[in-house]
Amino acid sequence: MKARKILSLVEVNPSASNQHELNGVASFKAVFGNNEFRGPAEFFYAGGTVTATANITWYDSREAHISRSEYRLYFQSNPVMDAAKPGDEVIITRNPDDSIRVDIVPA
């Protein structure tokens, strides 16, 4: 399964936000579902010019809220996400063995 989204300023620029999270869009939810997911991911920038392994967590940041959910994908700081810029595309692949690949494609 694959998910895609265009990265925003607050998702990749520490001066705008140091949250290390991607907003959970519908395609991410199709990949991860409604349950929390934790594990390592392989990160690649521009087809492999920069690579890293870092942990990710898919979770509902409003889990305690009665009528509202707000999913996020937390990532540990790593050289690939440090290289990402607003407007770049992120492609997340969840393989049949549940391994995760995160590709950043420059705008």
N, C-alpha and C. Protein backbone atom coordinates (compact mmCIF):
# COMPACT_ATOMS: atom_id res chain seq x y z
N MET A 1 0.83 -1.18 0.00
CA MET A 1 0.00 0.00 0.00
C MET A 1 0.88 1.25 0.00
N LYS A 2 0.40 2.28 -0.69
CA LYS A 2 1.15 3.53 -0.77
C LYS A 2 0.26 4.71 -0.41
N ALA A 3 0.91 5.72 0.13
CA ALA A 3 0.23 6.99 0.44
C ALA A 3 1.14 8.12 -0.02
N ARG A 4 0.51 9.22 -0.43
CA ARG A 4 1.26 10.38 -0.91
C ARG A 4 0.68 11.66 -0.33
N LYS A 5 1.55 12.63 -0.16
CA LYS A 5 1.10 13.98 0.18
C LYS A 5 2.22 14.95 -0.10
N ILE A 6 1.87 16.21 -0.27
CA ILE A 6 2.84 17.29 -0.45
C ILE A 6 3.16 17.85 0.93
N LEU A 7 4.43 18.01 1.22
CA LEU A 7 4.86 18.48 2.54
C LEU A 7 4.63 19.98 2.69
N SER A 8 4.17 20.36 3.87
CA SER A 8 3.93 21.77 4.17
C SER A 8 5.09 22.33 5.00
N LEU A 9 5.13 23.63 5.13
CA LEU A 9 6.18 24.31 5.88
C LEU A 9 6.28 23.79 7.32
N VAL A 10 5.16 23.68 8.02
CA VAL A 10 5.20 23.27 9.43
C VAL A 10 5.61 21.82 9.60
N GLU A 11 5.53 21.02 8.55
CA GLU A 11 5.92 19.62 8.65
C GLU A 11 7.43 19.41 8.50
N VAL A 12 8.12 20.36 7.87
CA VAL A 12 9.54 20.13 7.58
C VAL A 12 10.49 21.25 8.00
N ASN A 13 9.99 22.38 8.42
CA ASN A 13 10.87 23.50 8.76
C ASN A 13 10.88 23.74 10.26
N PRO A 14 12.00 23.43 10.95
CA PRO A 14 12.05 23.59 12.39
C PRO A 14 11.79 25.02 12.88
N SER A 15 12.04 26.02 12.04
CA SER A 15 11.76 27.39 12.47
C SER A 15 10.26 27.69 12.47
N ALA A 16 9.49 26.92 11.70
CA ALA A 16 8.03 27.08 11.67
C ALA A 16 7.37 26.20 12.73
N SER A 17 7.93 25.02 12.96
CA SER A 17 7.41 24.09 13.96
C SER A 17 8.43 22.99 14.15
N ASN A 18 8.66 22.61 15.37
CA ASN A 18 9.63 21.55 15.66
C ASN A 18 8.91 20.28 16.07
N GLN A 19 7.75 20.01 15.46
CA GLN A 19 6.91 18.92 15.92
C GLN A 19 7.32 17.54 15.40
N HIS A 20 8.07 17.44 14.30
CA HIS A 20 8.45 16.16 13.73
C HIS A 20 7.25 15.28 13.43
N GLU A 21 6.20 15.86 12.87
CA GLU A 21 5.00 15.12 12.56
C GLU A 21 4.46 15.54 11.21
N LEU A 22 3.86 14.56 10.52
CA LEU A 22 3.15 14.83 9.28
C LEU A 22 1.66 14.73 9.60
N ASN A 23 0.89 15.67 9.07
CA ASN A 23 -0.55 15.61 9.27
C ASN A 23 -1.10 14.37 8.58
N GLY A 24 -2.00 13.68 9.27
CA GLY A 24 -2.55 12.44 8.77
C GLY A 24 -3.63 12.65 7.73
N VAL A 25 -3.31 12.46 6.48
CA VAL A 25 -4.28 12.60 5.40
C VAL A 25 -4.95 11.26 5.15
N ALA A 26 -6.02 11.27 4.36
CA ALA A 26 -6.81 10.06 4.12
C ALA A 26 -5.95 8.92 3.56
N SER A 27 -5.01 9.24 2.67
CA SER A 27 -4.19 8.16 2.10
C SER A 27 -3.29 7.51 3.17
N PHE A 28 -2.84 8.29 4.16
CA PHE A 28 -2.08 7.70 5.26
C PHE A 28 -2.96 6.76 6.07
N LYS A 29 -4.19 7.18 6.30
CA LYS A 29 -5.12 6.36 7.08
C LYS A 29 -5.41 5.05 6.33
N ALA A 30 -5.44 5.09 5.01
CA ALA A 30 -5.64 3.87 4.23
C ALA A 30 -4.46 2.90 4.41
N VAL A 31 -3.28 3.43 4.62
CA VAL A 31 -2.08 2.61 4.81
C VAL A 31 -1.99 2.08 6.24
N PHE A 32 -2.25 2.94 7.23
CA PHE A 32 -2.04 2.57 8.63
C PHE A 32 -3.30 2.16 9.38
N GLY A 33 -4.47 2.58 8.90
CA GLY A 33 -5.72 2.25 9.59
C GLY A 33 -5.97 3.13 10.79
N ASN A 34 -6.84 2.65 11.68
CA ASN A 34 -7.23 3.40 12.89
C ASN A 34 -6.40 3.05 14.11
N ASN A 35 -5.60 2.01 14.02
CA ASN A 35 -4.82 1.58 15.19
C ASN A 35 -3.43 2.20 15.18
N GLU A 36 -2.91 2.40 16.37
CA GLU A 36 -1.55 2.94 16.48
C GLU A 36 -0.56 1.98 15.83
N PHE A 37 0.42 2.55 15.15
CA PHE A 37 1.50 1.78 14.55
C PHE A 37 2.81 2.39 15.03
N ARG A 38 3.71 1.55 15.48
CA ARG A 38 5.06 1.97 15.87
C ARG A 38 6.07 1.04 15.24
N GLY A 39 7.15 1.61 14.75
CA GLY A 39 8.19 0.77 14.20
C GLY A 39 9.21 1.56 13.42
N PRO A 40 10.23 0.87 12.95
CA PRO A 40 11.26 1.54 12.15
C PRO A 40 10.79 1.76 10.72
N ALA A 41 11.35 2.77 10.09
CA ALA A 41 11.09 3.05 8.68
C ALA A 41 12.42 3.37 8.01
N GLU A 42 12.50 3.00 6.74
CA GLU A 42 13.65 3.36 5.92
C GLU A 42 13.28 4.63 5.16
N PHE A 43 14.11 5.66 5.29
CA PHE A 43 13.87 6.96 4.66
C PHE A 43 14.86 7.14 3.51
N PHE A 44 14.35 7.67 2.38
CA PHE A 44 15.17 7.91 1.20
C PHE A 44 14.83 9.29 0.64
N TYR A 45 15.85 10.07 0.32
CA TYR A 45 15.65 11.38 -0.30
C TYR A 45 16.13 11.29 -1.74
N ALA A 46 15.31 11.72 -2.67
CA ALA A 46 15.66 11.81 -4.09
C ALA A 46 16.24 10.50 -4.62
N GLY A 47 15.55 9.40 -4.30
CA GLY A 47 15.95 8.11 -4.83
C GLY A 47 17.16 7.50 -4.16
N GLY A 48 17.60 8.05 -3.07
CA GLY A 48 18.70 7.44 -2.33
C GLY A 48 19.93 8.30 -2.18
N THR A 49 19.86 9.59 -2.53
CA THR A 49 21.02 10.45 -2.35
C THR A 49 21.31 10.66 -0.87
N VAL A 50 20.28 10.58 -0.03
CA VAL A 50 20.41 10.62 1.43
C VAL A 50 19.50 9.52 1.95
N THR A 51 20.00 8.72 2.89
CA THR A 51 19.19 7.64 3.46
C THR A 51 19.31 7.64 4.98
N ALA A 52 18.32 7.03 5.62
CA ALA A 52 18.34 6.93 7.09
C ALA A 52 17.32 5.89 7.52
N THR A 53 17.51 5.40 8.72
CA THR A 53 16.51 4.57 9.39
C THR A 53 16.10 5.30 10.65
N ALA A 54 14.79 5.43 10.87
CA ALA A 54 14.29 6.12 12.05
C ALA A 54 12.93 5.54 12.42
N ASN A 55 12.57 5.65 13.68
CA ASN A 55 11.28 5.16 14.13
C ASN A 55 10.17 6.13 13.77
N ILE A 56 8.99 5.56 13.51
CA ILE A 56 7.79 6.34 13.25
C ILE A 56 6.68 5.86 14.17
N THR A 57 5.70 6.73 14.38
CA THR A 57 4.50 6.36 15.14
C THR A 57 3.30 7.00 14.45
N TRP A 58 2.32 6.17 14.12
CA TRP A 58 1.03 6.62 13.59
C TRP A 58 0.07 6.61 14.76
N TYR A 59 -0.56 7.74 15.05
CA TYR A 59 -1.43 7.78 16.22
C TYR A 59 -2.50 8.86 16.06
N ASP A 60 -3.55 8.73 16.88
CA ASP A 60 -4.62 9.72 16.93
C ASP A 60 -4.31 10.69 18.06
N SER A 61 -3.95 11.90 17.71
CA SER A 61 -3.57 12.88 18.73
C SER A 61 -4.76 13.35 19.56
N ARG A 62 -5.96 13.03 19.14
CA ARG A 62 -7.18 13.39 19.89
C ARG A 62 -7.93 12.14 20.34
N GLU A 63 -7.18 11.11 20.64
CA GLU A 63 -7.77 9.84 21.03
C GLU A 63 -8.76 9.97 22.19
N ALA A 64 -8.48 10.87 23.10
CA ALA A 64 -9.35 11.04 24.27
C ALA A 64 -10.59 11.88 23.97
N HIS A 65 -10.64 12.50 22.80
CA HIS A 65 -11.79 13.34 22.45
C HIS A 65 -12.97 12.46 22.05
N ILE A 66 -14.14 12.79 22.51
CA ILE A 66 -15.33 11.96 22.30
C ILE A 66 -15.73 11.87 20.84
N SER A 67 -15.67 12.96 20.11
CA SER A 67 -16.23 12.96 18.76
C SER A 67 -15.26 13.35 17.65
N ARG A 68 -13.99 13.47 17.96
CA ARG A 68 -13.06 13.97 16.95
C ARG A 68 -11.76 13.18 16.96
N SER A 69 -11.24 12.91 15.79
CA SER A 69 -9.92 12.28 15.70
C SER A 69 -9.02 13.17 14.85
N GLU A 70 -7.74 13.05 15.09
CA GLU A 70 -6.75 13.83 14.34
C GLU A 70 -5.48 13.00 14.28
N TYR A 71 -5.32 12.29 13.19
CA TYR A 71 -4.18 11.39 13.06
C TYR A 71 -2.93 12.14 12.62
N ARG A 72 -1.80 11.65 13.13
CA ARG A 72 -0.49 12.21 12.81
C ARG A 72 0.52 11.09 12.64
N LEU A 73 1.54 11.35 11.84
CA LEU A 73 2.64 10.42 11.69
C LEU A 73 3.88 11.10 12.26
N TYR A 74 4.28 10.66 13.45
CA TYR A 74 5.47 11.19 14.10
C TYR A 74 6.69 10.49 13.52
N PHE A 75 7.77 11.23 13.32
CA PHE A 75 9.03 10.63 12.86
C PHE A 75 10.17 11.16 13.71
N GLN A 76 11.13 10.30 13.98
CA GLN A 76 12.35 10.75 14.65
C GLN A 76 13.15 11.61 13.67
N SER A 77 13.84 12.59 14.21
CA SER A 77 14.70 13.42 13.38
C SER A 77 15.70 12.54 12.64
N ASN A 78 15.91 12.87 11.36
CA ASN A 78 16.87 12.09 10.56
C ASN A 78 17.31 12.94 9.37
N PRO A 79 18.44 12.58 8.75
CA PRO A 79 18.98 13.41 7.66
C PRO A 79 18.03 13.56 6.45
N VAL A 80 17.21 12.57 6.19
CA VAL A 80 16.29 12.67 5.05
C VAL A 80 15.24 13.74 5.31
N MET A 81 14.61 13.68 6.48
CA MET A 81 13.59 14.68 6.78
C MET A 81 14.22 16.05 6.98
N ASP A 82 15.48 16.11 7.41
CA ASP A 82 16.18 17.39 7.51
C ASP A 82 16.38 18.01 6.13
N ALA A 83 16.52 17.17 5.10
CA ALA A 83 16.73 17.66 3.73
C ALA A 83 15.41 18.04 3.04
N ALA A 84 14.28 17.56 3.56
CA ALA A 84 12.98 17.81 2.92
C ALA A 84 12.61 19.29 2.99
N LYS A 85 11.91 19.73 1.97
CA LYS A 85 11.48 21.14 1.86
C LYS A 85 9.98 21.20 1.62
N PRO A 86 9.35 22.33 1.97
CA PRO A 86 7.94 22.49 1.64
C PRO A 86 7.74 22.34 0.13
N GLY A 87 6.69 21.62 -0.25
CA GLY A 87 6.41 21.38 -1.65
C GLY A 87 6.94 20.06 -2.16
N ASP A 88 7.89 19.45 -1.42
CA ASP A 88 8.35 18.12 -1.78
C ASP A 88 7.21 17.13 -1.55
N GLU A 89 7.26 16.02 -2.25
CA GLU A 89 6.25 14.97 -2.07
C GLU A 89 6.82 13.87 -1.18
N VAL A 90 6.00 13.39 -0.25
CA VAL A 90 6.37 12.23 0.54
C VAL A 90 5.52 11.06 0.05
N ILE A 91 6.17 9.93 -0.16
CA ILE A 91 5.50 8.70 -0.54
C ILE A 91 5.81 7.66 0.52
N ILE A 92 4.78 7.16 1.16
CA ILE A 92 4.95 6.16 2.21
C ILE A 92 4.44 4.83 1.68
N THR A 93 5.29 3.82 1.77
CA THR A 93 4.93 2.47 1.31
C THR A 93 4.96 1.53 2.50
N ARG A 94 3.85 0.81 2.68
CA ARG A 94 3.79 -0.24 3.70
C ARG A 94 3.81 -1.57 2.95
N ASN A 95 4.87 -2.31 3.13
CA ASN A 95 5.08 -3.56 2.43
C ASN A 95 4.30 -4.70 3.10
N PRO A 96 4.11 -5.82 2.40
CA PRO A 96 3.37 -6.94 2.98
C PRO A 96 3.93 -7.45 4.31
N ASP A 97 5.25 -7.27 4.53
CA ASP A 97 5.85 -7.69 5.80
C ASP A 97 5.76 -6.60 6.88
N ASP A 98 4.97 -5.55 6.62
CA ASP A 98 4.76 -4.40 7.50
C ASP A 98 5.96 -3.47 7.61
N SER A 99 7.01 -3.70 6.82
CA SER A 99 8.11 -2.73 6.80
C SER A 99 7.62 -1.47 6.08
N ILE A 100 8.21 -0.34 6.48
CA ILE A 100 7.79 0.96 5.97
C ILE A 100 8.95 1.63 5.25
N ARG A 101 8.64 2.19 4.09
CA ARG A 101 9.60 2.98 3.32
C ARG A 101 9.01 4.37 3.14
N VAL A 102 9.83 5.39 3.39
CA VAL A 102 9.42 6.78 3.24
C VAL A 102 10.35 7.41 2.20
N ASP A 103 9.77 7.81 1.08
CA ASP A 103 10.53 8.47 0.02
C ASP A 103 10.16 9.94 -0.05
N ILE A 104 11.16 10.79 -0.14
CA ILE A 104 10.95 12.21 -0.35
C ILE A 104 11.39 12.52 -1.77
N VAL A 105 10.46 13.09 -2.55
CA VAL A 105 10.72 13.44 -3.95
C VAL A 105 10.72 14.97 -4.01
N PRO A 106 11.86 15.57 -4.38
CA PRO A 106 11.92 17.04 -4.44
C PRO A 106 10.88 17.61 -5.40
N ALA A 107 10.38 18.79 -5.04
CA ALA A 107 9.37 19.47 -5.87
C ALA A 107 9.92 19.79 -7.24
